[in-house]
Amino acid sequence: MSAIMNFAIFPIDKGDHIGEYVSKVVEHIKGTGLSFEFTPMGTIIEASTVPELLKVVERAYEIMDPISDRIYCVMNMDFNKNKTNLIKSKRKSVEKRVGKL
């Protein structure tokens, strides 16, 4: 059983350079012990259940709330009761067809 989420959250009232704020959320994600990959457009996180992923989102909001008056957040999820290790298996499935990414 595996749940995978692509997730981004950031303040939109802090100008063009928001790495300082995004890094606070990434530190939180690192501390969860969940498997993740940071990308320029969001972070992919894998957990056993959807509630685990929603806790990550909730805590990320709590981190951003005192920083910003306007917060942007987007996420999409895939939950599969029959598979695990979705981050790696989805990548390998495509790499098998197009080569190493």
Protein backbone atom coordinates (compact mmCIF):
# COMPACT_ATOMS: atom_id res chain seq x y z
CA MET A 1 0.00 0.00 0.00
CA SER A 2 1.41 3.37 -0.98
CA ALA A 3 0.27 6.98 -1.25
CA ILE A 4 2.25 9.45 -3.31
CA MET A 5 1.76 13.20 -3.46
CA ASN A 6 3.21 16.03 -5.48
CA PHE A 7 3.00 19.11 -3.29
CA ALA A 8 3.99 22.78 -3.32
CA ILE A 9 3.30 25.52 -0.81
CA PHE A 10 4.78 29.00 -0.69
CA PRO A 11 3.99 32.60 0.22
CA ILE A 12 2.95 34.77 -2.70
CA ASP A 13 3.38 38.05 -0.90
CA LYS A 14 7.16 37.82 -0.35
CA GLY A 15 8.51 38.71 -3.80
CA ASP A 16 10.47 36.66 -6.29
CA HIS A 17 12.95 35.01 -3.92
CA ILE A 18 11.09 32.56 -1.69
CA GLY A 19 13.73 29.87 -1.11
CA GLU A 20 14.11 31.01 2.49
CA TYR A 21 10.47 30.15 3.15
CA VAL A 22 10.26 26.99 1.04
CA SER A 23 13.33 25.62 2.82
CA LYS A 24 11.42 25.69 6.13
CA VAL A 25 8.83 23.30 4.68
CA VAL A 26 11.49 21.10 3.10
CA GLU A 27 13.22 20.80 6.49
CA HIS A 28 9.89 19.65 7.93
CA ILE A 29 9.49 17.07 5.16
CA LYS A 30 13.04 15.79 5.76
CA GLY A 31 12.20 15.37 9.43
CA THR A 32 9.18 13.15 8.73
CA GLY A 33 11.33 10.21 7.63
CA LEU A 34 9.11 9.78 4.56
CA SER A 35 10.61 9.10 1.16
CA PHE A 36 10.67 12.31 -0.92
CA GLU A 37 12.20 14.05 -3.92
CA PHE A 38 12.51 17.82 -4.06
CA THR A 39 12.03 19.35 -7.53
CA PRO A 40 12.02 22.95 -8.74
CA MET A 41 8.20 22.91 -8.96
CA GLY A 42 7.29 20.95 -5.85
CA THR A 43 8.15 17.99 -3.68
CA ILE A 44 7.08 14.40 -4.27
CA ILE A 45 6.41 12.57 -1.02
CA GLU A 46 5.50 8.92 -0.42
CA ALA A 47 3.77 7.43 2.61
CA SER A 48 1.74 4.35 3.46
CA THR A 49 -1.51 6.26 3.84
CA VAL A 50 -3.23 9.41 2.63
CA PRO A 51 -3.68 10.73 6.22
CA GLU A 52 0.11 10.69 6.64
CA LEU A 53 0.45 12.91 3.57
CA LEU A 54 -2.30 15.23 4.75
CA LYS A 55 -0.45 15.69 8.04
CA VAL A 56 2.57 16.90 6.05
CA VAL A 57 0.35 19.43 4.27
CA GLU A 58 -1.25 20.56 7.51
CA ARG A 59 2.13 21.12 9.18
CA ALA A 60 3.43 22.94 6.09
CA TYR A 61 0.48 25.29 6.33
CA GLU A 62 1.25 25.86 10.03
CA ILE A 63 4.82 26.77 9.05
CA MET A 64 3.70 29.24 6.36
CA ASP A 65 0.83 30.82 8.30
CA PRO A 66 2.89 33.15 10.52
CA ILE A 67 5.15 34.05 7.58
CA SER A 68 2.58 35.15 5.03
CA ASP A 69 -0.80 36.77 4.60
CA ARG A 70 -1.28 34.94 1.29
CA ILE A 71 -0.25 31.29 0.80
CA TYR A 72 -0.39 29.29 -2.42
CA CYS A 73 -0.73 25.52 -2.16
CA VAL A 74 -1.26 22.83 -4.77
CA MET A 75 -1.17 19.05 -4.45
CA ASN A 76 -2.19 15.92 -6.25
CA MET A 77 -2.17 12.35 -4.92
CA ASP A 78 -2.20 8.77 -6.08
CA PHE A 79 -3.14 6.00 -3.64
CA ASN A 80 -2.52 2.38 -4.61
CA LYS A 81 -3.47 -0.45 -2.26
CA ASN A 82 -1.55 -2.98 -4.34
CA LYS A 83 1.85 -1.33 -4.78
CA THR A 84 4.65 0.24 -2.77
CA ASN A 85 7.69 2.31 -3.61
CA LEU A 86 5.79 4.38 -6.17
CA ILE A 87 8.37 7.15 -6.50
CA LYS A 88 10.99 4.74 -7.81
CA SER A 89 8.68 2.37 -9.69
CA LYS A 90 6.95 5.14 -11.68
CA ARG A 91 10.33 6.58 -12.69
CA LYS A 92 11.70 3.14 -13.64
CA SER A 93 8.62 2.43 -15.76
CA VAL A 94 9.28 5.49 -17.89
CA GLU A 95 13.07 5.07 -17.92
CA LYS A 96 12.61 1.54 -19.23
CA ARG A 97 11.01 3.10 -22.29
CA VAL A 98 13.07 6.29 -22.81
CA GLY A 99 16.34 5.69 -21.00
CA LYS A 100 17.79 7.15 -17.81
CA LEU A 101 16.34 10.52 -16.82
